[in-house]
Amino acid sequence: EKIVRVVASLPSASVPANRTLHQELVARLVRVAQQHDGVVPLHGRLFSQWMHFAYPRECPYPHAAGTTKLMSSEEWSQATGMKVSLMLADLERYVEQLHPVTEPTDWWQQQHGQHQVPPQHACDEETGTCMAMWQDVEELVDAGHWDITRKAKQHAEGASSIGRVMLRALMLLVLVVSSVMAICGFVQQAQESFSAALTSESACMKPALSK
């Protein structure tokens, strides 16, 4: 909740301040926390990925290790056989070919066949949120230190919990002992009062018998 509140209030060059984060985006952060016992590691791939969807133009997408290969423009051109740049006229023609002139579903079926269903990318057109590239792959910067820190915190929380239980038990014991002592004092006082009353009554009866 703290992360959601802070991110929602922070503006950027492309995102306004005090916005409402999309429900799906918040749900993804909750899932990240569930993988780490309710805590979101800030120096991990999943949080970096979440920040990319929160600020898509400011935070780069963190590809999982080993899934991408760094290439220069020349290497990419040689590997794909495509140009690394386009002339303005070529770019406009390319965009025009991709632009659907009808409804998206109709356009997709025209391009790929009437019986094929267009793929769903979990996109929300109103908010611009698209989670199609989300991958539940975590990579921590220092996984060993993170595990040690989490175990130490859990141990401290467990010890604190045991301490609270023992303190409550001790307080209950003190309460019981004080109650027993109070009852014993009351009973002793009642016995003394009863004995004194009997002694007084006996003293009153002796003069009457002597007469």
Protein backbone atom coordinates (compact mmCIF):
# COMPACT_ATOMS: atom_id res chain seq x y z
CA GLU A 1 0.00 0.00 0.00
CA LYS A 2 2.85 2.39 0.77
CA ILE A 3 4.49 1.74 -2.61
CA VAL A 4 1.19 2.23 -4.44
CA ARG A 5 0.55 5.48 -2.58
CA VAL A 6 4.02 6.88 -3.30
CA VAL A 7 4.04 5.89 -6.98
CA ALA A 8 0.54 7.25 -7.54
CA SER A 9 1.63 10.64 -6.20
CA LEU A 10 4.90 10.92 -8.16
CA PRO A 11 4.65 12.57 -11.60
CA SER A 12 6.97 12.17 -14.56
CA ALA A 13 7.37 13.71 -17.99
CA SER A 14 4.60 11.46 -19.33
CA VAL A 15 2.57 10.61 -16.21
CA PRO A 16 0.59 13.09 -14.08
CA ALA A 17 0.74 13.26 -10.30
CA ASN A 18 -1.97 12.01 -7.94
CA ARG A 19 -3.27 9.43 -10.40
CA THR A 20 -5.14 6.22 -9.71
CA LEU A 21 -3.12 3.14 -10.57
CA HIS A 22 -4.88 0.53 -12.64
CA GLN A 23 -6.35 -2.37 -10.67
CA GLU A 24 -4.35 -4.92 -12.65
CA LEU A 25 -1.12 -3.05 -11.92
CA VAL A 26 -1.84 -3.04 -8.19
CA ALA A 27 -2.71 -6.75 -8.32
CA ARG A 28 0.66 -7.49 -9.92
CA LEU A 29 2.46 -5.72 -7.08
CA VAL A 30 0.47 -7.76 -4.55
CA ARG A 31 1.58 -10.94 -6.33
CA VAL A 32 5.21 -9.79 -6.11
CA ALA A 33 4.81 -9.26 -2.36
CA GLN A 34 3.20 -12.68 -1.95
CA GLN A 35 6.28 -14.30 -3.47
CA HIS A 36 8.44 -12.70 -0.78
CA ASP A 37 6.36 -13.18 2.39
CA GLY A 38 4.51 -9.89 2.08
CA VAL A 39 7.56 -7.74 1.26
CA VAL A 40 8.51 -6.23 -2.12
CA PRO A 41 12.29 -6.30 -2.76
CA LEU A 42 13.13 -2.99 -4.41
CA HIS A 43 16.35 -4.29 -5.98
CA GLY A 44 14.74 -7.10 -7.94
CA ARG A 45 13.58 -7.76 -11.47
CA LEU A 46 9.87 -8.02 -10.65
CA PHE A 47 9.75 -4.60 -9.03
CA SER A 48 11.74 -3.12 -11.93
CA GLN A 49 9.23 -4.71 -14.29
CA TRP A 50 6.36 -3.27 -12.25
CA MET A 51 7.96 0.19 -12.41
CA HIS A 52 8.21 -0.17 -16.20
CA PHE A 53 4.44 -0.60 -16.43
CA ALA A 54 3.91 2.25 -13.97
CA TYR A 55 6.26 4.54 -15.94
CA PRO A 56 6.58 2.91 -19.39
CA ARG A 57 8.51 5.80 -20.97
CA GLU A 58 10.89 6.40 -18.09
CA CYS A 59 11.72 2.90 -16.77
CA PRO A 60 13.14 0.36 -19.25
CA TYR A 61 11.73 -3.15 -19.40
CA PRO A 62 14.01 -5.57 -17.49
CA HIS A 63 14.44 -8.63 -19.66
CA ALA A 64 15.19 -11.85 -17.81
CA ALA A 65 18.82 -12.90 -17.84
CA GLY A 66 19.78 -14.92 -20.88
CA THR A 67 16.69 -14.06 -22.92
CA THR A 68 18.23 -11.23 -24.95
CA LYS A 69 21.50 -10.64 -26.74
CA LEU A 70 23.13 -7.27 -27.15
CA MET A 71 23.71 -6.48 -30.83
CA SER A 72 24.94 -3.48 -32.74
CA SER A 73 22.83 -2.06 -35.55
CA GLU A 74 25.17 -3.61 -38.12
CA GLU A 75 24.96 -7.05 -36.49
CA TRP A 76 21.17 -6.83 -36.33
CA SER A 77 20.98 -5.86 -40.01
CA GLN A 78 23.20 -8.77 -40.99
CA ALA A 79 21.22 -11.24 -38.85
CA THR A 80 17.77 -10.14 -40.06
CA GLY A 81 18.51 -8.82 -43.54
CA MET A 82 16.51 -5.70 -42.73
CA LYS A 83 17.48 -2.05 -42.75
CA VAL A 84 18.23 -0.35 -39.46
CA SER A 85 16.56 2.87 -40.62
CA LEU A 86 13.74 3.91 -42.94
CA MET A 87 13.14 6.91 -45.12
CA LEU A 88 10.18 9.06 -44.17
CA ALA A 89 8.15 7.86 -47.16
CA ASP A 90 8.88 4.22 -46.29
CA LEU A 91 7.94 4.83 -42.68
CA GLU A 92 4.61 6.44 -43.62
CA ARG A 93 3.83 3.57 -46.01
CA TYR A 94 4.68 1.02 -43.33
CA VAL A 95 2.45 2.73 -40.75
CA GLU A 96 -0.38 2.97 -43.27
CA GLN A 97 -0.17 -0.76 -43.95
CA LEU A 98 -0.40 -1.53 -40.24
CA HIS A 99 -3.23 0.88 -39.54
CA PRO A 100 -6.57 -1.02 -39.39
CA VAL A 101 -9.16 0.70 -41.56
CA THR A 102 -11.98 -1.25 -39.91
CA GLU A 103 -12.61 -2.71 -36.49
CA PRO A 104 -9.53 -4.42 -35.00
CA THR A 105 -11.12 -7.88 -35.01
CA ASP A 106 -12.31 -7.53 -38.61
CA TRP A 107 -8.90 -6.26 -39.70
CA TRP A 108 -7.12 -9.16 -37.99
CA GLN A 109 -9.41 -11.72 -39.64
CA GLN A 110 -8.86 -10.10 -43.04
CA GLN A 111 -5.10 -10.45 -42.58
CA HIS A 112 -5.02 -13.94 -41.02
CA GLY A 113 -8.24 -15.68 -42.07
CA GLN A 114 -11.88 -15.47 -41.07
CA HIS A 115 -11.74 -18.34 -38.58
CA GLN A 116 -8.76 -17.19 -36.56
CA VAL A 117 -9.30 -15.38 -33.26
CA PRO A 118 -7.09 -12.32 -32.67
CA PRO A 119 -4.66 -12.73 -29.75
CA GLN A 120 -5.53 -11.16 -26.41
CA HIS A 121 -2.82 -9.01 -24.88
CA ALA A 122 -4.50 -8.06 -21.58
CA CYS A 123 -4.51 -4.42 -22.61
CA ASP A 124 -6.76 -1.69 -21.29
CA GLU A 125 -7.24 1.03 -23.88
CA GLU A 126 -8.62 3.55 -21.39
CA THR A 127 -5.59 3.43 -19.09
CA GLY A 128 -2.94 2.33 -21.54
CA THR A 129 -2.03 -0.58 -19.30
CA CYS A 130 -0.83 -3.64 -21.22
CA MET A 131 0.51 -6.58 -19.24
CA ALA A 132 1.24 -8.90 -22.18
CA MET A 133 5.01 -8.75 -21.56
CA TRP A 134 4.75 -9.47 -17.84
CA GLN A 135 6.88 -12.40 -16.72
CA ASP A 136 6.84 -13.85 -13.20
CA VAL A 137 10.61 -14.29 -13.18
CA GLU A 138 12.43 -12.86 -10.18
CA GLU A 139 16.11 -11.94 -10.15
CA LEU A 140 17.48 -10.29 -7.02
CA VAL A 141 20.62 -8.17 -7.09
CA ASP A 142 21.96 -9.93 -3.96
CA ALA A 143 19.79 -12.96 -3.32
CA GLY A 144 22.07 -14.32 -0.58
CA HIS A 145 21.98 -11.13 1.46
CA TRP A 146 18.22 -10.84 0.92
CA ASP A 147 17.64 -14.37 2.30
CA ILE A 148 19.85 -13.71 5.33
CA THR A 149 18.09 -10.41 6.04
CA ARG A 150 14.61 -11.93 5.70
CA LYS A 151 15.47 -14.90 7.95
CA ALA A 152 16.95 -12.60 10.59
CA LYS A 153 13.83 -10.42 10.53
CA GLN A 154 11.53 -13.43 10.73
CA HIS A 155 13.57 -14.79 13.67
CA ALA A 156 13.35 -11.43 15.42
CA GLU A 157 9.60 -11.27 14.80
CA GLY A 158 9.25 -14.83 16.15
CA ALA A 159 11.28 -14.00 19.26
CA SER A 160 9.25 -10.84 19.77
CA SER A 161 6.05 -12.84 19.45
CA ILE A 162 7.27 -15.38 22.03
CA GLY A 163 8.25 -12.53 24.34
CA ARG A 164 4.79 -10.99 24.06
CA VAL A 165 3.17 -14.35 24.86
CA MET A 166 5.41 -14.83 27.92
CA LEU A 167 4.71 -11.30 29.10
CA ARG A 168 0.96 -11.86 28.82
CA ALA A 169 1.28 -15.16 30.71
CA LEU A 170 3.30 -13.43 33.45
CA MET A 171 0.74 -10.65 33.75
CA LEU A 172 -2.04 -13.24 34.01
CA LEU A 173 -0.10 -15.09 36.71
CA VAL A 174 0.41 -11.88 38.68
CA LEU A 175 -3.30 -11.15 38.40
CA VAL A 176 -4.22 -14.63 39.65
CA VAL A 177 -1.77 -14.43 42.58
CA SER A 178 -2.99 -10.99 43.60
CA SER A 179 -6.59 -12.18 43.39
CA VAL A 180 -5.82 -15.23 45.53
CA MET A 181 -4.02 -13.07 48.10
CA ALA A 182 -6.93 -10.65 48.19
CA ILE A 183 -9.39 -13.52 48.72
CA CYS A 184 -7.20 -15.02 51.45
CA GLY A 185 -6.97 -11.65 53.18
CA PHE A 186 -10.74 -11.26 52.99
CA VAL A 187 -11.30 -14.75 54.42
CA GLN A 188 -8.79 -14.15 57.26
CA GLN A 189 -10.42 -10.84 58.10
CA ALA A 190 -13.84 -12.51 58.12
CA GLN A 191 -12.54 -15.24 60.42
CA GLU A 192 -11.05 -12.67 62.81
CA SER A 193 -14.30 -10.71 62.86
CA PHE A 194 -16.30 -13.88 63.46
CA SER A 195 -13.97 -14.96 66.32
CA ALA A 196 -14.21 -11.52 67.89
CA ALA A 197 -17.97 -11.64 67.70
CA LEU A 198 -18.04 -15.07 69.37
CA THR A 199 -15.70 -13.87 72.13
CA SER A 200 -17.87 -10.83 72.82
CA GLU A 201 -21.01 -12.93 72.93
CA SER A 202 -19.41 -15.38 75.40
CA ALA A 203 -18.35 -12.51 77.67
CA CYS A 204 -21.90 -11.20 77.72
CA MET A 205 -23.36 -14.59 78.61
CA LYS A 206 -21.06 -15.22 81.67
CA PRO A 207 -22.42 -12.35 83.87
CA ALA A 208 -25.96 -13.50 83.12
CA LEU A 209 -25.23 -17.02 84.30
CA SER A 210 -23.56 -15.77 87.52
CA LYS A 211 -26.67 -13.88 88.49
